Amino acid sequence: MLGLKVTHVKCEYRTELLGTDVTKPRISWRLESHRRGTLQQAYRIQVAVRVPDFASPIWDTGIVDSEESL
């Protein structure tokens, strides 16, 4: 994954979401790479109280095989 960067992360179409009543919030992102033809094959989203404390996330999608970024 050298040279791959996640950018433009949003939750419910906002860059900073302090709270929501949506039970399945929509999360989206863009991938940037200096290599042409780079594609996403899967994703994993983790939410933690503190960054980078992902040893015990409070929410984890697990690995999802998907090319979608929403």
PDB file of N, CA and C in Angstrom:
ATOM      1  N   MET A   1       0.815  -1.187   0.000  1.00  0.00           N
ATOM      2  CA  MET A   1       0.000   0.000   0.000  1.00  0.00           C
ATOM      3  C   MET A   1       0.862   1.254   0.000  1.00  0.00           C
ATOM      4  N   LEU A   2       2.069   1.141  -0.401  1.00  0.00           N
ATOM      5  CA  LEU A   2       2.973   2.276  -0.470  1.00  0.00           C
ATOM      6  C   LEU A   2       2.434   3.301  -1.451  1.00  0.00           C
ATOM      7  N   GLY A   3       2.345   4.551  -1.012  1.00  0.00           N
ATOM      8  CA  GLY A   3       1.886   5.608  -1.878  1.00  0.00           C
ATOM      9  C   GLY A   3       0.384   5.748  -1.961  1.00  0.00           C
ATOM     10  N   LEU A   4      -0.363   5.026  -1.151  1.00  0.00           N
ATOM     11  CA  LEU A   4      -1.819   5.106  -1.150  1.00  0.00           C
ATOM     12  C   LEU A   4      -2.256   5.969   0.032  1.00  0.00           C
ATOM     13  N   LYS A   5      -3.143   6.943  -0.245  1.00  0.00           N
ATOM     14  CA  LYS A   5      -3.563   7.869   0.802  1.00  0.00           C
ATOM     15  C   LYS A   5      -5.080   8.017   0.797  1.00  0.00           C
ATOM     16  N   VAL A   6      -5.692   7.950   1.980  1.00  0.00           N
ATOM     17  CA  VAL A   6      -7.129   8.164   2.133  1.00  0.00           C
ATOM     18  C   VAL A   6      -7.355   9.651   2.378  1.00  0.00           C
ATOM     19  N   THR A   7      -8.233  10.270   1.571  1.00  0.00           N
ATOM     20  CA  THR A   7      -8.514  11.695   1.708  1.00  0.00           C
ATOM     21  C   THR A   7     -10.016  11.942   1.677  1.00  0.00           C
ATOM     22  N   HIS A   8     -10.410  13.169   1.944  1.00  0.00           N
ATOM     23  CA  HIS A   8     -11.807  13.604   1.858  1.00  0.00           C
ATOM     24  C   HIS A   8     -12.759  12.679   2.625  1.00  0.00           C
ATOM     25  N   VAL A   9     -12.376  12.307   3.837  1.00  0.00           N
ATOM     26  CA  VAL A   9     -13.224  11.433   4.659  1.00  0.00           C
ATOM     27  C   VAL A   9     -14.416  12.232   5.168  1.00  0.00           C
ATOM     28  N   LYS A  10     -15.610  11.656   4.989  1.00  0.00           N
ATOM     29  CA  LYS A  10     -16.834  12.305   5.454  1.00  0.00           C
ATOM     30  C   LYS A  10     -17.746  11.272   6.107  1.00  0.00           C
ATOM     31  N   CYS A  11     -18.533  11.744   7.058  1.00  0.00           N
ATOM     32  CA  CYS A  11     -19.559  10.926   7.695  1.00  0.00           C
ATOM     33  C   CYS A  11     -20.855  11.710   7.609  1.00  0.00           C
ATOM     34  N   GLU A  12     -21.870  11.097   7.004  1.00  0.00           N
ATOM     35  CA  GLU A  12     -23.137  11.778   6.751  1.00  0.00           C
ATOM     36  C   GLU A  12     -22.893  13.111   6.035  1.00  0.00           C
ATOM     37  N   TYR A  13     -22.011  13.070   5.047  1.00  0.00           N
ATOM     38  CA  TYR A  13     -21.696  14.197   4.171  1.00  0.00           C
ATOM     39  C   TYR A  13     -20.998  15.356   4.871  1.00  0.00           C
ATOM     40  N   ARG A  14     -20.476  15.128   6.074  1.00  0.00           N
ATOM     41  CA  ARG A  14     -19.783  16.179   6.830  1.00  0.00           C
ATOM     42  C   ARG A  14     -18.370  15.744   7.160  1.00  0.00           C
ATOM     43  N   THR A  15     -17.458  16.692   7.176  1.00  0.00           N
ATOM     44  CA  THR A  15     -16.070  16.380   7.516  1.00  0.00           C
ATOM     45  C   THR A  15     -15.880  16.251   9.019  1.00  0.00           C
ATOM     46  N   GLU A  16     -16.744  16.891   9.808  1.00  0.00           N
ATOM     47  CA  GLU A  16     -16.688  16.777  11.270  1.00  0.00           C
ATOM     48  C   GLU A  16     -18.107  16.545  11.781  1.00  0.00           C
ATOM     49  N   LEU A  17     -18.359  15.373  12.269  1.00  0.00           N
ATOM     50  CA  LEU A  17     -19.680  15.018  12.786  1.00  0.00           C
ATOM     51  C   LEU A  17     -19.552  14.732  14.270  1.00  0.00           C
ATOM     52  N   LEU A  18     -20.185  15.549  15.095  1.00  0.00           N
ATOM     53  CA  LEU A  18     -20.078  15.382  16.543  1.00  0.00           C
ATOM     54  C   LEU A  18     -21.079  14.395  17.098  1.00  0.00           C
ATOM     55  N   GLY A  19     -22.125  14.129  16.363  1.00  0.00           N
ATOM     56  CA  GLY A  19     -23.127  13.172  16.809  1.00  0.00           C
ATOM     57  C   GLY A  19     -24.192  13.012  15.742  1.00  0.00           C
ATOM     58  N   THR A  20     -24.889  11.888  15.786  1.00  0.00           N
ATOM     59  CA  THR A  20     -25.950  11.642  14.820  1.00  0.00           C
ATOM     60  C   THR A  20     -26.927  10.631  15.397  1.00  0.00           C
ATOM     61  N   ASP A  21     -28.163  10.691  14.935  1.00  0.00           N
ATOM     62  CA  ASP A  21     -29.149   9.696  15.339  1.00  0.00           C
ATOM     63  C   ASP A  21     -29.305   8.623  14.269  1.00  0.00           C
ATOM     64  N   VAL A  22     -28.468   8.686  13.239  1.00  0.00           N
ATOM     65  CA  VAL A  22     -28.494   7.703  12.157  1.00  0.00           C
ATOM     66  C   VAL A  22     -27.853   6.410  12.667  1.00  0.00           C
ATOM     67  N   THR A  23     -28.580   5.290  12.575  1.00  0.00           N
ATOM     68  CA  THR A  23     -28.064   4.027  13.102  1.00  0.00           C
ATOM     69  C   THR A  23     -26.990   3.406  12.209  1.00  0.00           C
ATOM     70  N   LYS A  24     -27.043   3.689  10.906  1.00  0.00           N
ATOM     71  CA  LYS A  24     -26.022   3.219   9.970  1.00  0.00           C
ATOM     72  C   LYS A  24     -25.481   4.419   9.199  1.00  0.00           C
ATOM     73  N   PRO A  25     -24.569   5.167   9.819  1.00  0.00           N
ATOM     74  CA  PRO A  25     -24.082   6.391   9.172  1.00  0.00           C
ATOM     75  C   PRO A  25     -23.324   6.090   7.875  1.00  0.00           C
ATOM     76  N   ARG A  26     -23.510   6.964   6.894  1.00  0.00           N
ATOM     77  CA  ARG A  26     -22.810   6.847   5.614  1.00  0.00           C
ATOM     78  C   ARG A  26     -21.432   7.470   5.759  1.00  0.00           C
ATOM     79  N   ILE A  27     -20.425   6.684   5.462  1.00  0.00           N
ATOM     80  CA  ILE A  27     -19.040   7.136   5.525  1.00  0.00           C
ATOM     81  C   ILE A  27     -18.480   7.041   4.111  1.00  0.00           C
ATOM     82  N   SER A  28     -17.803   8.103   3.688  1.00  0.00           N
ATOM     83  CA  SER A  28     -17.223   8.089   2.348  1.00  0.00           C
ATOM     84  C   SER A  28     -15.790   8.602   2.391  1.00  0.00           C
ATOM     85  N   TRP A  29     -15.015   8.259   1.372  1.00  0.00           N
ATOM     86  CA  TRP A  29     -13.624   8.665   1.280  1.00  0.00           C
ATOM     87  C   TRP A  29     -13.169   8.604  -0.166  1.00  0.00           C
ATOM     88  N   ARG A  30     -12.023   9.202  -0.400  1.00  0.00           N
ATOM     89  CA  ARG A  30     -11.369   9.106  -1.702  1.00  0.00           C
ATOM     90  C   ARG A  30      -9.983   8.538  -1.483  1.00  0.00           C
ATOM     91  N   LEU A  31      -9.499   7.844  -2.485  1.00  0.00           N
ATOM     92  CA  LEU A  31      -8.146   7.308  -2.442  1.00  0.00           C
ATOM     93  C   LEU A  31      -7.286   8.061  -3.442  1.00  0.00           C
ATOM     94  N   GLU A  32      -6.079   8.384  -3.028  1.00  0.00           N
ATOM     95  CA  GLU A  32      -5.123   9.028  -3.917  1.00  0.00           C
ATOM     96  C   GLU A  32      -3.879   8.166  -3.988  1.00  0.00           C
ATOM     97  N   SER A  33      -3.349   8.032  -5.190  1.00  0.00           N
ATOM     98  CA  SER A  33      -2.134   7.263  -5.403  1.00  0.00           C
ATOM     99  C   SER A  33      -1.364   7.878  -6.557  1.00  0.00           C
ATOM    100  N   HIS A  34      -0.052   7.834  -6.470  1.00  0.00           N
ATOM    101  CA  HIS A  34       0.775   8.326  -7.570  1.00  0.00           C
ATOM    102  C   HIS A  34       0.873   7.290  -8.692  1.00  0.00           C
ATOM    103  N   ARG A  35       0.391   6.074  -8.434  1.00  0.00           N
ATOM    104  CA  ARG A  35       0.433   5.006  -9.434  1.00  0.00           C
ATOM    105  C   ARG A  35      -0.894   4.959 -10.190  1.00  0.00           C
ATOM    106  N   ARG A  36      -0.838   4.958 -11.477  1.00  0.00           N
ATOM    107  CA  ARG A  36      -2.037   4.880 -12.303  1.00  0.00           C
ATOM    108  C   ARG A  36      -2.696   3.508 -12.160  1.00  0.00           C
ATOM    109  N   GLY A  37      -4.012   3.498 -12.208  1.00  0.00           N
ATOM    110  CA  GLY A  37      -4.746   2.238 -12.182  1.00  0.00           C
ATOM    111  C   GLY A  37      -4.887   1.613 -10.804  1.00  0.00           C
ATOM    112  N   THR A  38      -4.542   2.341  -9.740  1.00  0.00           N
ATOM    113  CA  THR A  38      -4.662   1.792  -8.391  1.00  0.00           C
ATOM    114  C   THR A  38      -6.138   1.729  -7.999  1.00  0.00           C
ATOM    115  N   LEU A  39      -6.579   0.562  -7.541  1.00  0.00           N
ATOM    116  CA  LEU A  39      -7.974   0.359  -7.160  1.00  0.00           C
ATOM    117  C   LEU A  39      -8.072  -0.206  -5.753  1.00  0.00           C
ATOM    118  N   GLN A  40      -9.157   0.099  -5.103  1.00  0.00           N
ATOM    119  CA  GLN A  40      -9.456  -0.461  -3.795  1.00  0.00           C
ATOM    120  C   GLN A  40     -10.094  -1.826  -3.983  1.00  0.00           C
ATOM    121  N   GLN A  41      -9.700  -2.795  -3.174  1.00  0.00           N
ATOM    122  CA  GLN A  41     -10.308  -4.122  -3.215  1.00  0.00           C
ATOM    123  C   GLN A  41     -11.138  -4.404  -1.973  1.00  0.00           C
ATOM    124  N   ALA A  42     -10.797  -3.746  -0.878  1.00  0.00           N
ATOM    125  CA  ALA A  42     -11.498  -3.956   0.384  1.00  0.00           C
ATOM    126  C   ALA A  42     -11.271  -2.741   1.276  1.00  0.00           C
ATOM    127  N   TYR A  43     -12.040  -2.677   2.357  1.00  0.00           N
ATOM    128  CA  TYR A  43     -11.822  -1.608   3.335  1.00  0.00           C
ATOM    129  C   TYR A  43     -12.127  -2.120   4.729  1.00  0.00           C
ATOM    130  N   ARG A  44     -11.648  -1.373   5.704  1.00  0.00           N
ATOM    131  CA  ARG A  44     -11.947  -1.640   7.108  1.00  0.00           C
ATOM    132  C   ARG A  44     -12.000  -0.290   7.804  1.00  0.00           C
ATOM    133  N   ILE A  45     -13.107  -0.020   8.471  1.00  0.00           N
ATOM    134  CA  ILE A  45     -13.266   1.237   9.188  1.00  0.00           C
ATOM    135  C   ILE A  45     -13.305   0.946  10.672  1.00  0.00           C
ATOM    136  N   GLN A  46     -12.461   1.637  11.422  1.00  0.00           N
ATOM    137  CA  GLN A  46     -12.430   1.496  12.870  1.00  0.00           C
ATOM    138  C   GLN A  46     -12.633   2.868  13.504  1.00  0.00           C
ATOM    139  N   VAL A  47     -13.366   2.889  14.598  1.00  0.00           N
ATOM    140  CA  VAL A  47     -13.565   4.113  15.366  1.00  0.00           C
ATOM    141  C   VAL A  47     -13.014   3.865  16.754  1.00  0.00           C
ATOM    142  N   ALA A  48     -12.193   4.811  17.214  1.00  0.00           N
ATOM    143  CA  ALA A  48     -11.580   4.686  18.542  1.00  0.00           C
ATOM    144  C   ALA A  48     -11.810   5.974  19.323  1.00  0.00           C
ATOM    145  N   VAL A  49     -11.683   5.877  20.634  1.00  0.00           N
ATOM    146  CA  VAL A  49     -11.829   7.050  21.481  1.00  0.00           C
ATOM    147  C   VAL A  49     -10.679   8.013  21.218  1.00  0.00           C
ATOM    148  N   ARG A  50      -9.476   7.473  21.094  1.00  0.00           N
ATOM    149  CA  ARG A  50      -8.284   8.281  20.827  1.00  0.00           C
ATOM    150  C   ARG A  50      -7.550   7.699  19.639  1.00  0.00           C
ATOM    151  N   VAL A  51      -6.976   8.558  18.855  1.00  0.00           N
ATOM    152  CA  VAL A  51      -6.121   8.109  17.753  1.00  0.00           C
ATOM    153  C   VAL A  51      -4.702   8.112  18.287  1.00  0.00           C
ATOM    154  N   PRO A  52      -3.886   7.133  18.150  1.00  0.00           N
ATOM    155  CA  PRO A  52      -4.037   5.931  17.352  1.00  0.00           C
ATOM    156  C   PRO A  52      -4.378   4.701  18.183  1.00  0.00           C
ATOM    157  N   ASP A  53      -5.280   4.794  19.129  1.00  0.00           N
ATOM    158  CA  ASP A  53      -5.635   3.689  20.021  1.00  0.00           C
ATOM    159  C   ASP A  53      -6.622   2.735  19.352  1.00  0.00           C
ATOM    160  N   PHE A  54      -6.160   2.036  18.303  1.00  0.00           N
ATOM    161  CA  PHE A  54      -7.028   1.091  17.615  1.00  0.00           C
ATOM    162  C   PHE A  54      -6.871  -0.328  18.137  1.00  0.00           C
ATOM    163  N   ALA A  55      -6.161  -0.492  19.262  1.00  0.00           N
ATOM    164  CA  ALA A  55      -6.034  -1.821  19.855  1.00  0.00           C
ATOM    165  C   ALA A  55      -7.390  -2.288  20.390  1.00  0.00           C
ATOM    166  N   SER A  56      -8.203  -1.333  20.826  1.00  0.00           N
ATOM    167  CA  SER A  56      -9.540  -1.677  21.326  1.00  0.00           C
ATOM    168  C   SER A  56     -10.556  -0.666  20.770  1.00  0.00           C
ATOM    169  N   PRO A  57     -10.896  -0.792  19.481  1.00  0.00           N
ATOM    170  CA  PRO A  57     -11.843   0.157  18.880  1.00  0.00           C
ATOM    171  C   PRO A  57     -13.235   0.005  19.468  1.00  0.00           C
ATOM    172  N   ILE A  58     -13.998   1.105  19.470  1.00  0.00           N
ATOM    173  CA  ILE A  58     -15.368   1.034  19.968  1.00  0.00           C
ATOM    174  C   ILE A  58     -16.325   0.606  18.856  1.00  0.00           C
ATOM    175  N   TRP A  59     -15.850   0.651  17.601  1.00  0.00           N
ATOM    176  CA  TRP A  59     -16.648   0.207  16.461  1.00  0.00           C
ATOM    177  C   TRP A  59     -15.708  -0.245  15.360  1.00  0.00           C
ATOM    178  N   ASP A  60     -16.010  -1.366  14.717  1.00  0.00           N
ATOM    179  CA  ASP A  60     -15.129  -1.932  13.705  1.00  0.00           C
ATOM    180  C   ASP A  60     -15.981  -2.669  12.667  1.00  0.00           C
ATOM    181  N   THR A  61     -15.851  -2.305  11.399  1.00  0.00           N
ATOM    182  CA  THR A  61     -16.619  -2.975  10.353  1.00  0.00           C
ATOM    183  C   THR A  61     -16.052  -4.343  10.030  1.00  0.00           C
ATOM    184  N   GLY A  62     -14.807  -4.591  10.445  1.00  0.00           N
ATOM    185  CA  GLY A  62     -14.115  -5.778   9.971  1.00  0.00           C
ATOM    186  C   GLY A  62     -13.728  -5.537   8.521  1.00  0.00           C
ATOM    187  N   ILE A  63     -13.088  -6.480   7.903  1.00  0.00           N
ATOM    188  CA  ILE A  63     -12.675  -6.321   6.510  1.00  0.00           C
ATOM    189  C   ILE A  63     -13.871  -6.577   5.606  1.00  0.00           C
ATOM    190  N   VAL A  64     -14.160  -5.607   4.747  1.00  0.00           N
ATOM    191  CA  VAL A  64     -15.286  -5.688   3.814  1.00  0.00           C
ATOM    192  C   VAL A  64     -14.717  -5.724   2.405  1.00  0.00           C
ATOM    193  N   ASP A  65     -14.941  -6.822   1.688  1.00  0.00           N
ATOM    194  CA  ASP A  65     -14.486  -6.920   0.302  1.00  0.00           C
ATOM    195  C   ASP A  65     -15.392  -6.062  -0.560  1.00  0.00           C
ATOM    196  N   SER A  66     -14.880  -4.912  -0.980  1.00  0.00           N
ATOM    197  CA  SER A  66     -15.688  -3.983  -1.775  1.00  0.00           C
ATOM    198  C   SER A  66     -14.803  -2.930  -2.417  1.00  0.00           C
ATOM    199  N   GLU A  67     -15.141  -2.583  -3.648  1.00  0.00           N
ATOM    200  CA  GLU A  67     -14.460  -1.506  -4.345  1.00  0.00           C
ATOM    201  C   GLU A  67     -15.128  -0.160  -4.049  1.00  0.00           C
ATOM    202  N   GLU A  68     -16.274  -0.172  -3.377  1.00  0.00           N
ATOM    203  CA  GLU A  68     -17.004   1.059  -3.083  1.00  0.00           C
ATOM    204  C   GLU A  68     -16.335   1.851  -1.982  1.00  0.00           C
ATOM    205  N   SER A  69     -16.436   3.170  -2.082  1.00  0.00           N
ATOM    206  CA  SER A  69     -15.874   4.040  -1.045  1.00  0.00           C
ATOM    207  C   SER A  69     -16.983   4.854  -0.395  1.00  0.00           C
ATOM    208  N   LEU A  70     -18.131   4.227  -0.230  1.00  0.00           N
ATOM    209  CA  LEU A  70     -19.268   4.841   0.479  1.00  0.00           C
ATOM    210  C   LEU A  70     -19.950   3.770   1.299  1.00  0.00           C
TER     211      LEU A  70
END
